């Protein structure tokens, strides 16, 4: 899906999505032959997670750490709690 469609599905602005992409919170999307960004359902899940964290006033650097824990194979709650305890 293109960035406009992603914005509609997530309720975020295009600028916010680009901000998260520049900060490394979401993966850079594949590009279509026409050069358009093509986002996946995985991006929607990541943005929803980020939005929930922002609603809890978790700073961007800690969200980045939580995304790493979330993506890890063990997905340790202990590791996530360590990050959250700092906030």
N, C-alpha and C. Protein backbone atom coordinates (compact mmCIF):
# COMPACT_ATOMS: atom_id res chain seq x y z
N UNK A 1 0.84 -1.17 0.00
CA UNK A 1 0.00 0.00 0.00
C UNK A 1 0.88 1.24 0.00
N UNK A 2 0.38 2.30 -0.57
CA UNK A 2 1.14 3.55 -0.65
C UNK A 2 0.99 4.32 0.65
N UNK A 3 1.81 5.35 0.80
CA UNK A 3 1.88 6.09 2.06
C UNK A 3 0.54 6.76 2.41
N UNK A 4 -0.20 7.23 1.42
CA UNK A 4 -1.50 7.83 1.68
C UNK A 4 -2.49 6.83 2.25
N UNK A 5 -2.47 5.62 1.70
CA UNK A 5 -3.33 4.55 2.21
C UNK A 5 -2.94 4.17 3.63
N UNK A 6 -1.64 4.12 3.88
CA UNK A 6 -1.13 3.79 5.22
C UNK A 6 -1.57 4.86 6.21
N UNK A 7 -1.51 6.12 5.81
CA UNK A 7 -1.93 7.22 6.67
C UNK A 7 -3.41 7.08 7.03
N UNK A 8 -4.23 6.76 6.06
CA UNK A 8 -5.67 6.58 6.33
C UNK A 8 -5.92 5.42 7.28
N UNK A 9 -5.22 4.30 7.06
CA UNK A 9 -5.44 3.11 7.90
C UNK A 9 -4.96 3.31 9.33
N UNK A 10 -3.92 4.10 9.52
CA UNK A 10 -3.35 4.27 10.86
C UNK A 10 -3.81 5.54 11.56
N UNK A 11 -4.38 6.46 10.81
CA UNK A 11 -4.82 7.73 11.39
C UNK A 11 -3.69 8.72 11.61
N UNK A 12 -2.52 8.42 11.10
CA UNK A 12 -1.38 9.32 11.21
C UNK A 12 -1.25 10.15 9.93
N UNK A 13 -0.56 11.26 10.05
CA UNK A 13 -0.28 12.06 8.87
C UNK A 13 0.87 11.44 8.08
N UNK A 14 0.97 11.80 6.84
CA UNK A 14 2.07 11.34 6.00
C UNK A 14 3.40 11.81 6.60
N UNK A 15 3.41 13.04 7.11
CA UNK A 15 4.64 13.57 7.73
C UNK A 15 5.05 12.73 8.95
N UNK A 16 4.09 12.30 9.74
CA UNK A 16 4.41 11.48 10.92
C UNK A 16 5.01 10.14 10.48
N UNK A 17 4.46 9.55 9.45
CA UNK A 17 4.98 8.28 8.94
C UNK A 17 6.41 8.47 8.44
N UNK A 18 6.64 9.53 7.71
CA UNK A 18 8.00 9.81 7.23
C UNK A 18 8.95 10.08 8.39
N UNK A 19 8.48 10.76 9.45
CA UNK A 19 9.29 11.01 10.64
C UNK A 19 9.70 9.68 11.27
N UNK A 20 8.75 8.77 11.45
CA UNK A 20 9.06 7.46 12.04
C UNK A 20 10.04 6.68 11.17
N UNK A 21 9.88 6.81 9.87
CA UNK A 21 10.80 6.14 8.95
C UNK A 21 12.21 6.72 9.08
N UNK A 22 12.33 8.04 9.13
CA UNK A 22 13.64 8.69 9.25
C UNK A 22 14.32 8.36 10.57
N UNK A 23 13.53 8.20 11.62
CA UNK A 23 14.07 7.87 12.95
C UNK A 23 14.40 6.39 13.09
N UNK A 24 14.06 5.60 12.08
CA UNK A 24 14.37 4.18 12.12
C UNK A 24 13.39 3.35 12.93
N UNK A 25 12.20 3.92 13.21
CA UNK A 25 11.21 3.18 13.96
C UNK A 25 10.44 2.20 13.09
N UNK A 26 10.29 2.54 11.82
CA UNK A 26 9.69 1.60 10.88
C UNK A 26 10.68 1.37 9.75
N UNK A 27 10.61 0.19 9.20
CA UNK A 27 11.52 -0.18 8.12
C UNK A 27 11.22 0.66 6.88
N UNK A 28 12.29 0.99 6.18
CA UNK A 28 12.11 1.66 4.90
C UNK A 28 11.39 0.72 3.96
N UNK A 29 10.36 1.18 3.31
CA UNK A 29 9.55 0.31 2.45
C UNK A 29 10.25 -0.02 1.14
N UNK A 30 9.74 -1.05 0.52
CA UNK A 30 10.17 -1.37 -0.84
C UNK A 30 9.63 -0.27 -1.75
N UNK A 31 10.23 -0.12 -2.90
CA UNK A 31 9.76 0.87 -3.87
C UNK A 31 9.16 0.15 -5.07
N UNK A 32 8.08 0.71 -5.58
CA UNK A 32 7.47 0.18 -6.79
C UNK A 32 8.33 0.60 -7.99
N UNK A 33 8.01 0.08 -9.14
CA UNK A 33 8.75 0.47 -10.34
C UNK A 33 8.61 1.96 -10.61
N UNK A 34 7.50 2.54 -10.18
CA UNK A 34 7.28 3.98 -10.36
C UNK A 34 7.92 4.82 -9.27
N UNK A 35 8.59 4.17 -8.30
CA UNK A 35 9.27 4.89 -7.25
C UNK A 35 8.44 5.16 -6.01
N UNK A 36 7.20 4.66 -5.98
CA UNK A 36 6.35 4.87 -4.82
C UNK A 36 6.74 3.92 -3.68
N UNK A 37 6.61 4.40 -2.44
CA UNK A 37 6.84 3.54 -1.29
C UNK A 37 5.70 2.52 -1.22
N UNK A 38 6.03 1.28 -0.97
CA UNK A 38 5.04 0.22 -0.83
C UNK A 38 5.15 -0.37 0.57
N UNK A 39 4.22 -0.01 1.45
CA UNK A 39 4.23 -0.46 2.83
C UNK A 39 3.44 -1.76 2.98
N UNK A 40 3.76 -2.51 4.03
CA UNK A 40 3.12 -3.80 4.27
C UNK A 40 2.26 -3.75 5.53
N UNK A 41 1.55 -4.84 5.78
CA UNK A 41 0.75 -4.96 7.00
C UNK A 41 1.65 -4.95 8.24
N UNK A 42 2.88 -5.40 8.08
CA UNK A 42 3.84 -5.35 9.18
C UNK A 42 4.09 -3.91 9.63
N UNK A 43 4.09 -3.00 8.67
CA UNK A 43 4.27 -1.58 8.98
C UNK A 43 3.08 -1.06 9.78
N UNK A 44 1.88 -1.48 9.43
CA UNK A 44 0.69 -1.07 10.17
C UNK A 44 0.81 -1.50 11.63
N UNK A 45 1.22 -2.74 11.86
CA UNK A 45 1.36 -3.25 13.22
C UNK A 45 2.41 -2.45 13.99
N UNK A 46 3.52 -2.13 13.34
CA UNK A 46 4.58 -1.36 13.99
C UNK A 46 4.08 0.05 14.34
N UNK A 47 3.35 0.67 13.43
CA UNK A 47 2.84 2.02 13.67
C UNK A 47 1.82 2.01 14.81
N UNK A 48 0.99 0.98 14.85
CA UNK A 48 0.03 0.88 15.95
C UNK A 48 0.75 0.75 17.29
N UNK A 49 1.82 -0.05 17.31
CA UNK A 49 2.62 -0.21 18.52
C UNK A 49 3.25 1.13 18.92
N UNK A 50 3.83 1.82 17.95
CA UNK A 50 4.46 3.12 18.21
C UNK A 50 3.43 4.11 18.73
N UNK A 51 2.26 4.14 18.11
CA UNK A 51 1.20 5.06 18.54
C UNK A 51 0.77 4.79 19.97
N UNK A 52 0.66 3.51 20.32
CA UNK A 52 0.30 3.15 21.69
C UNK A 52 1.38 3.60 22.67
N UNK A 53 2.62 3.42 22.30
CA UNK A 53 3.73 3.87 23.15
C UNK A 53 3.72 5.39 23.31
N UNK A 54 3.48 6.12 22.22
CA UNK A 54 3.44 7.58 22.29
C UNK A 54 2.29 8.04 23.17
N UNK A 55 1.15 7.32 23.13
CA UNK A 55 0.01 7.66 23.98
C UNK A 55 0.36 7.51 25.46
N UNK A 56 1.34 6.65 25.75
CA UNK A 56 1.82 6.46 27.13
C UNK A 56 3.00 7.37 27.44
N UNK A 57 3.29 8.31 26.56
CA UNK A 57 4.39 9.26 26.71
C UNK A 57 5.76 8.60 26.79
N UNK A 58 5.93 7.48 26.11
CA UNK A 58 7.23 6.82 26.05
C UNK A 58 8.06 7.54 24.99
N UNK A 59 9.26 7.99 25.36
CA UNK A 59 10.10 8.72 24.40
C UNK A 59 10.56 7.85 23.23
N UNK A 60 10.86 8.51 22.12
CA UNK A 60 11.27 7.83 20.89
C UNK A 60 12.44 6.87 21.12
N UNK A 61 13.52 7.25 21.83
CA UNK A 61 14.63 6.31 22.01
C UNK A 61 14.21 5.00 22.71
N UNK A 62 13.29 5.12 23.68
CA UNK A 62 12.83 3.92 24.38
C UNK A 62 11.91 3.09 23.48
N UNK A 63 11.13 3.76 22.65
CA UNK A 63 10.28 3.02 21.71
C UNK A 63 11.15 2.21 20.76
N UNK A 64 12.24 2.80 20.33
CA UNK A 64 13.17 2.11 19.43
C UNK A 64 13.70 0.84 20.11
N UNK A 65 14.05 0.96 21.40
CA UNK A 65 14.54 -0.20 22.15
C UNK A 65 13.45 -1.26 22.29
N UNK A 66 12.22 -0.82 22.54
CA UNK A 66 11.11 -1.77 22.67
C UNK A 66 10.83 -2.49 21.35
N UNK A 67 10.99 -1.78 20.25
CA UNK A 67 10.80 -2.42 18.94
C UNK A 67 11.84 -3.50 18.70
N UNK A 68 13.06 -3.27 19.18
CA UNK A 68 14.11 -4.28 19.05
C UNK A 68 13.74 -5.51 19.89
N UNK A 69 13.28 -5.27 21.11
CA UNK A 69 12.86 -6.39 21.97
C UNK A 69 11.68 -7.12 21.32
N UNK A 70 10.75 -6.37 20.79
CA UNK A 70 9.55 -6.95 20.16
C UNK A 70 9.92 -7.81 18.95
N UNK A 71 10.93 -7.40 18.22
CA UNK A 71 11.35 -8.13 17.02
C UNK A 71 12.23 -9.33 17.34
N UNK A 72 12.79 -9.37 18.56
CA UNK A 72 13.68 -10.46 18.93
C UNK A 72 12.96 -11.79 19.01
N UNK A 73 13.72 -12.84 18.89
CA UNK A 73 13.11 -14.17 18.89
C UNK A 73 12.57 -14.54 20.27
N UNK A 74 13.21 -14.07 21.33
CA UNK A 74 12.77 -14.43 22.67
C UNK A 74 11.60 -13.57 23.13
N UNK A 75 11.55 -12.32 22.67
CA UNK A 75 10.50 -11.37 23.05
C UNK A 75 10.32 -11.36 24.57
N UNK A 76 11.42 -11.18 25.24
CA UNK A 76 11.45 -11.23 26.69
C UNK A 76 10.71 -10.07 27.34
N UNK A 77 9.76 -10.41 28.18
CA UNK A 77 9.05 -9.38 28.95
C UNK A 77 10.00 -8.69 29.91
N UNK A 78 10.97 -9.44 30.41
CA UNK A 78 11.94 -8.87 31.33
C UNK A 78 12.72 -7.75 30.66
N UNK A 79 13.13 -7.96 29.42
CA UNK A 79 13.86 -6.93 28.68
C UNK A 79 12.98 -5.71 28.45
N UNK A 80 11.72 -5.93 28.09
CA UNK A 80 10.81 -4.82 27.86
C UNK A 80 10.59 -4.05 29.16
N UNK A 81 10.45 -4.76 30.25
CA UNK A 81 10.25 -4.09 31.55
C UNK A 81 11.44 -3.23 31.93
N UNK A 82 12.65 -3.69 31.60
CA UNK A 82 13.84 -2.89 31.88
C UNK A 82 13.79 -1.55 31.15
N UNK A 83 13.35 -1.58 29.90
CA UNK A 83 13.26 -0.36 29.11
C UNK A 83 12.18 0.55 29.70
N UNK A 84 11.05 0.00 30.02
CA UNK A 84 9.94 0.80 30.54
C UNK A 84 10.24 1.36 31.91
N UNK A 85 10.98 0.62 32.73
CA UNK A 85 11.32 1.09 34.07
C UNK A 85 12.16 2.36 34.01
N UNK A 86 12.90 2.55 32.95
CA UNK A 86 13.73 3.74 32.80
C UNK A 86 12.85 4.96 32.57
N UNK A 87 11.73 4.75 31.88
CA UNK A 87 10.82 5.85 31.57
C UNK A 87 10.12 6.22 32.84
